[in-house]
Amino acid sequence: MKEAGLFPVSCVNDPPMFGTDIGAIYATMARVPSLDVPEVAAMSLRAIDAAWLSDEEKPG
């Protein structure tokens, strides 16, 4: 996805429906050889940018 220029983020849309939580998502990402700690951190920050919130509602 990164190579295609997409904006990947780490998120859990509906934890009960998908049977997961954000901790499981991070554990899965930690097993992906092409992802390192800085990239996972960047994905987390991009999730804030991607949120459908006004700039005032987003954390600083």
PDB file of N, CA and C in Angstrom:
ATOM      1  N   MET A   1       0.820  -1.191   0.000  1.00  0.00           N
ATOM      2  CA  MET A   1       0.000   0.000   0.000  1.00  0.00           C
ATOM      3  C   MET A   1       0.863   1.253   0.000  1.00  0.00           C
ATOM      4  N   LYS A   2       1.946   1.228   0.805  1.00  0.00           N
ATOM      5  CA  LYS A   2       2.829   2.395   0.833  1.00  0.00           C
ATOM      6  C   LYS A   2       3.416   2.660  -0.536  1.00  0.00           C
ATOM      7  N   GLU A   3       3.870   1.589  -1.196  1.00  0.00           N
ATOM      8  CA  GLU A   3       4.501   1.740  -2.503  1.00  0.00           C
ATOM      9  C   GLU A   3       3.533   2.293  -3.541  1.00  0.00           C
ATOM     10  N   ALA A   4       2.236   2.069  -3.330  1.00  0.00           N
ATOM     11  CA  ALA A   4       1.223   2.573  -4.251  1.00  0.00           C
ATOM     12  C   ALA A   4       0.830   4.014  -3.948  1.00  0.00           C
ATOM     13  N   GLY A   5       1.412   4.596  -2.891  1.00  0.00           N
ATOM     14  CA  GLY A   5       1.118   5.977  -2.542  1.00  0.00           C
ATOM     15  C   GLY A   5      -0.132   6.144  -1.700  1.00  0.00           C
ATOM     16  N   LEU A   6      -0.634   5.045  -1.135  1.00  0.00           N
ATOM     17  CA  LEU A   6      -1.820   5.138  -0.287  1.00  0.00           C
ATOM     18  C   LEU A   6      -1.438   5.619   1.107  1.00  0.00           C
ATOM     19  N   PHE A   7      -2.414   5.882   1.934  1.00  0.00           N
ATOM     20  CA  PHE A   7      -2.256   6.495   3.243  1.00  0.00           C
ATOM     21  C   PHE A   7      -2.632   5.474   4.324  1.00  0.00           C
ATOM     22  N   PRO A   8      -1.830   4.414   4.530  1.00  0.00           N
ATOM     23  CA  PRO A   8      -2.218   3.388   5.497  1.00  0.00           C
ATOM     24  C   PRO A   8      -2.168   3.915   6.929  1.00  0.00           C
ATOM     25  N   VAL A   9      -3.165   3.494   7.724  1.00  0.00           N
ATOM     26  CA  VAL A   9      -3.226   3.867   9.130  1.00  0.00           C
ATOM     27  C   VAL A   9      -3.534   2.621   9.955  1.00  0.00           C
ATOM     28  N   SER A  10      -3.205   2.676  11.234  1.00  0.00           N
ATOM     29  CA  SER A  10      -3.567   1.591  12.138  1.00  0.00           C
ATOM     30  C   SER A  10      -4.878   1.961  12.813  1.00  0.00           C
ATOM     31  N   CYS A  11      -5.869   1.086  12.698  1.00  0.00           N
ATOM     32  CA  CYS A  11      -7.156   1.384  13.329  1.00  0.00           C
ATOM     33  C   CYS A  11      -7.966   0.099  13.484  1.00  0.00           C
ATOM     34  N   VAL A  12      -8.992   0.203  14.296  1.00  0.00           N
ATOM     35  CA  VAL A  12      -9.956  -0.876  14.482  1.00  0.00           C
ATOM     36  C   VAL A  12     -11.330  -0.240  14.320  1.00  0.00           C
ATOM     37  N   ASN A  13     -11.990  -0.543  13.205  1.00  0.00           N
ATOM     38  CA  ASN A  13     -13.272   0.089  12.920  1.00  0.00           C
ATOM     39  C   ASN A  13     -14.385  -0.399  13.833  1.00  0.00           C
ATOM     40  N   ASP A  14     -14.469  -1.697  14.054  1.00  0.00           N
ATOM     41  CA  ASP A  14     -15.553  -2.276  14.836  1.00  0.00           C
ATOM     42  C   ASP A  14     -15.019  -3.493  15.579  1.00  0.00           C
ATOM     43  N   PRO A  15     -14.377  -3.293  16.740  1.00  0.00           N
ATOM     44  CA  PRO A  15     -13.737  -4.404  17.448  1.00  0.00           C
ATOM     45  C   PRO A  15     -14.637  -5.612  17.698  1.00  0.00           C
ATOM     46  N   PRO A  16     -15.896  -5.445  18.169  1.00  0.00           N
ATOM     47  CA  PRO A  16     -16.708  -6.641  18.399  1.00  0.00           C
ATOM     48  C   PRO A  16     -17.007  -7.421  17.113  1.00  0.00           C
ATOM     49  N   MET A  17     -17.222  -6.696  16.029  1.00  0.00           N
ATOM     50  CA  MET A  17     -17.545  -7.367  14.765  1.00  0.00           C
ATOM     51  C   MET A  17     -16.352  -8.157  14.227  1.00  0.00           C
ATOM     52  N   PHE A  18     -15.146  -7.580  14.348  1.00  0.00           N
ATOM     53  CA  PHE A  18     -13.957  -8.216  13.795  1.00  0.00           C
ATOM     54  C   PHE A  18     -13.190  -9.047  14.813  1.00  0.00           C
ATOM     55  N   GLY A  19     -13.627  -9.038  16.076  1.00  0.00           N
ATOM     56  CA  GLY A  19     -12.997  -9.851  17.098  1.00  0.00           C
ATOM     57  C   GLY A  19     -11.550  -9.462  17.374  1.00  0.00           C
ATOM     58  N   THR A  20     -11.276  -8.181  17.368  1.00  0.00           N
ATOM     59  CA  THR A  20      -9.913  -7.709  17.598  1.00  0.00           C
ATOM     60  C   THR A  20      -9.937  -6.424  18.413  1.00  0.00           C
ATOM     61  N   ASP A  21      -8.777  -5.900  18.699  1.00  0.00           N
ATOM     62  CA  ASP A  21      -8.652  -4.613  19.374  1.00  0.00           C
ATOM     63  C   ASP A  21      -7.350  -3.973  18.918  1.00  0.00           C
ATOM     64  N   ILE A  22      -7.091  -2.746  19.338  1.00  0.00           N
ATOM     65  CA  ILE A  22      -5.918  -2.030  18.845  1.00  0.00           C
ATOM     66  C   ILE A  22      -4.625  -2.730  19.259  1.00  0.00           C
ATOM     67  N   GLY A  23      -4.615  -3.371  20.427  1.00  0.00           N
ATOM     68  CA  GLY A  23      -3.421  -4.109  20.854  1.00  0.00           C
ATOM     69  C   GLY A  23      -3.094  -5.241  19.907  1.00  0.00           C
ATOM     70  N   ALA A  24      -4.112  -5.964  19.465  1.00  0.00           N
ATOM     71  CA  ALA A  24      -3.902  -7.058  18.510  1.00  0.00           C
ATOM     72  C   ALA A  24      -3.427  -6.527  17.166  1.00  0.00           C
ATOM     73  N   ILE A  25      -3.927  -5.368  16.789  1.00  0.00           N
ATOM     74  CA  ILE A  25      -3.493  -4.756  15.526  1.00  0.00           C
ATOM     75  C   ILE A  25      -1.998  -4.428  15.596  1.00  0.00           C
ATOM     76  N   TYR A  26      -1.563  -3.825  16.713  1.00  0.00           N
ATOM     77  CA  TYR A  26      -0.140  -3.501  16.861  1.00  0.00           C
ATOM     78  C   TYR A  26       0.712  -4.765  16.919  1.00  0.00           C
ATOM     79  N   ALA A  27       0.225  -5.809  17.572  1.00  0.00           N
ATOM     80  CA  ALA A  27       0.973  -7.070  17.627  1.00  0.00           C
ATOM     81  C   ALA A  27       1.112  -7.663  16.226  1.00  0.00           C
ATOM     82  N   THR A  28       0.087  -7.570  15.426  1.00  0.00           N
ATOM     83  CA  THR A  28       0.154  -8.055  14.046  1.00  0.00           C
ATOM     84  C   THR A  28       1.145  -7.236  13.233  1.00  0.00           C
ATOM     85  N   MET A  29       1.107  -5.909  13.391  1.00  0.00           N
ATOM     86  CA  MET A  29       2.032  -5.058  12.644  1.00  0.00           C
ATOM     87  C   MET A  29       3.479  -5.327  13.052  1.00  0.00           C
ATOM     88  N   ALA A  30       3.704  -5.686  14.302  1.00  0.00           N
ATOM     89  CA  ALA A  30       5.069  -5.972  14.769  1.00  0.00           C
ATOM     90  C   ALA A  30       5.659  -7.197  14.095  1.00  0.00           C
ATOM     91  N   ARG A  31       4.797  -8.065  13.561  1.00  0.00           N
ATOM     92  CA  ARG A  31       5.278  -9.276  12.881  1.00  0.00           C
ATOM     93  C   ARG A  31       5.509  -9.064  11.383  1.00  0.00           C
ATOM     94  N   VAL A  32       5.200  -7.890  10.869  1.00  0.00           N
ATOM     95  CA  VAL A  32       5.392  -7.602   9.449  1.00  0.00           C
ATOM     96  C   VAL A  32       6.843  -7.156   9.247  1.00  0.00           C
ATOM     97  N   PRO A  33       7.609  -7.928   8.497  1.00  0.00           N
ATOM     98  CA  PRO A  33       9.039  -7.613   8.352  1.00  0.00           C
ATOM     99  C   PRO A  33       9.327  -6.220   7.808  1.00  0.00           C
ATOM    100  N   SER A  34       8.474  -5.682   6.962  1.00  0.00           N
ATOM    101  CA  SER A  34       8.757  -4.381   6.347  1.00  0.00           C
ATOM    102  C   SER A  34       8.379  -3.201   7.241  1.00  0.00           C
ATOM    103  N   LEU A  35       7.776  -3.469   8.408  1.00  0.00           N
ATOM    104  CA  LEU A  35       7.405  -2.387   9.314  1.00  0.00           C
ATOM    105  C   LEU A  35       8.349  -2.354  10.499  1.00  0.00           C
ATOM    106  N   ASP A  36       8.902  -1.182  10.770  1.00  0.00           N
ATOM    107  CA  ASP A  36       9.734  -1.019  11.957  1.00  0.00           C
ATOM    108  C   ASP A  36       9.009  -0.067  12.915  1.00  0.00           C
ATOM    109  N   VAL A  37       9.566   0.137  14.082  1.00  0.00           N
ATOM    110  CA  VAL A  37       8.914   0.955  15.102  1.00  0.00           C
ATOM    111  C   VAL A  37       8.614   2.369  14.594  1.00  0.00           C
ATOM    112  N   PRO A  38       9.558   3.056  13.934  1.00  0.00           N
ATOM    113  CA  PRO A  38       9.228   4.404  13.437  1.00  0.00           C
ATOM    114  C   PRO A  38       8.073   4.405  12.427  1.00  0.00           C
ATOM    115  N   GLU A  39       7.999   3.382  11.581  1.00  0.00           N
ATOM    116  CA  GLU A  39       6.905   3.335  10.607  1.00  0.00           C
ATOM    117  C   GLU A  39       5.568   3.096  11.295  1.00  0.00           C
ATOM    118  N   VAL A  40       5.530   2.225  12.285  1.00  0.00           N
ATOM    119  CA  VAL A  40       4.284   1.982  13.022  1.00  0.00           C
ATOM    120  C   VAL A  40       3.867   3.257  13.756  1.00  0.00           C
ATOM    121  N   ALA A  41       4.818   3.971  14.337  1.00  0.00           N
ATOM    122  CA  ALA A  41       4.510   5.241  14.999  1.00  0.00           C
ATOM    123  C   ALA A  41       3.956   6.243  13.991  1.00  0.00           C
ATOM    124  N   ALA A  42       4.542   6.300  12.808  1.00  0.00           N
ATOM    125  CA  ALA A  42       4.057   7.214  11.765  1.00  0.00           C
ATOM    126  C   ALA A  42       2.634   6.856  11.350  1.00  0.00           C
ATOM    127  N   MET A  43       2.332   5.559  11.268  1.00  0.00           N
ATOM    128  CA  MET A  43       0.976   5.137  10.922  1.00  0.00           C
ATOM    129  C   MET A  43      -0.011   5.599  11.993  1.00  0.00           C
ATOM    130  N   SER A  44       0.385   5.531  13.248  1.00  0.00           N
ATOM    131  CA  SER A  44      -0.487   5.987  14.333  1.00  0.00           C
ATOM    132  C   SER A  44      -0.762   7.474  14.219  1.00  0.00           C
ATOM    133  N   LEU A  45       0.263   8.252  13.908  1.00  0.00           N
ATOM    134  CA  LEU A  45       0.071   9.691  13.757  1.00  0.00           C
ATOM    135  C   LEU A  45      -0.769  10.017  12.528  1.00  0.00           C
ATOM    136  N   ARG A  46      -0.601   9.247  11.449  1.00  0.00           N
ATOM    137  CA  ARG A  46      -1.434   9.467  10.254  1.00  0.00           C
ATOM    138  C   ARG A  46      -2.897   9.179  10.557  1.00  0.00           C
ATOM    139  N   ALA A  47      -3.168   8.262  11.474  1.00  0.00           N
ATOM    140  CA  ALA A  47      -4.554   7.963  11.847  1.00  0.00           C
ATOM    141  C   ALA A  47      -5.218   9.191  12.457  1.00  0.00           C
ATOM    142  N   ILE A  48      -4.453   9.969  13.219  1.00  0.00           N
ATOM    143  CA  ILE A  48      -5.001  11.207  13.776  1.00  0.00           C
ATOM    144  C   ILE A  48      -5.330  12.179  12.646  1.00  0.00           C
ATOM    145  N   ASP A  49      -4.414  12.317  11.687  1.00  0.00           N
ATOM    146  CA  ASP A  49      -4.660  13.204  10.550  1.00  0.00           C
ATOM    147  C   ASP A  49      -5.870  12.748   9.736  1.00  0.00           C
ATOM    148  N   ALA A  50      -6.060  11.426   9.631  1.00  0.00           N
ATOM    149  CA  ALA A  50      -7.134  10.878   8.808  1.00  0.00           C
ATOM    150  C   ALA A  50      -8.497  10.916   9.500  1.00  0.00           C
ATOM    151  N   ALA A  51      -8.515  11.136  10.814  1.00  0.00           N
ATOM    152  CA  ALA A  51      -9.775  11.133  11.556  1.00  0.00           C
ATOM    153  C   ALA A  51     -10.709  12.225  11.049  1.00  0.00           C
ATOM    154  N   TRP A  52     -11.991  11.911  11.040  1.00  0.00           N
ATOM    155  CA  TRP A  52     -12.977  12.879  10.592  1.00  0.00           C
ATOM    156  C   TRP A  52     -13.350  13.800  11.745  1.00  0.00           C
ATOM    157  N   LEU A  53     -12.361  14.531  12.210  1.00  0.00           N
ATOM    158  CA  LEU A  53     -12.552  15.501  13.282  1.00  0.00           C
ATOM    159  C   LEU A  53     -12.043  16.854  12.813  1.00  0.00           C
ATOM    160  N   SER A  54     -12.577  17.898  13.404  1.00  0.00           N
ATOM    161  CA  SER A  54     -12.037  19.216  13.091  1.00  0.00           C
ATOM    162  C   SER A  54     -10.651  19.324  13.707  1.00  0.00           C
ATOM    163  N   ASP A  55      -9.858  20.266  13.251  1.00  0.00           N
ATOM    164  CA  ASP A  55      -8.521  20.455  13.806  1.00  0.00           C
ATOM    165  C   ASP A  55      -8.573  20.754  15.302  1.00  0.00           C
ATOM    166  N   GLU A  56      -9.621  21.425  15.753  1.00  0.00           N
ATOM    167  CA  GLU A  56      -9.766  21.741  17.176  1.00  0.00           C
ATOM    168  C   GLU A  56     -10.017  20.493  18.012  1.00  0.00           C
ATOM    169  N   GLU A  57     -10.646  19.477  17.428  1.00  0.00           N
ATOM    170  CA  GLU A  57     -10.964  18.246  18.166  1.00  0.00           C
ATOM    171  C   GLU A  57      -9.800  17.248  18.187  1.00  0.00           C
ATOM    172  N   LYS A  58      -8.846  17.405  17.283  1.00  0.00           N
ATOM    173  CA  LYS A  58      -7.726  16.476  17.209  1.00  0.00           C
ATOM    174  C   LYS A  58      -6.692  16.812  18.272  1.00  0.00           C
ATOM    175  N   PRO A  59      -6.042  15.768  18.832  1.00  0.00           N
ATOM    176  CA  PRO A  59      -4.993  16.047  19.814  1.00  0.00           C
ATOM    177  C   PRO A  59      -3.825  16.793  19.172  1.00  0.00           C
ATOM    178  N   GLY A  60      -3.166  17.631  19.964  1.00  0.00           N
ATOM    179  CA  GLY A  60      -2.068  18.480  19.496  1.00  0.00           C
ATOM    180  C   GLY A  60      -0.947  17.700  18.979  1.00  0.00           C
TER     181      GLY A  60
END
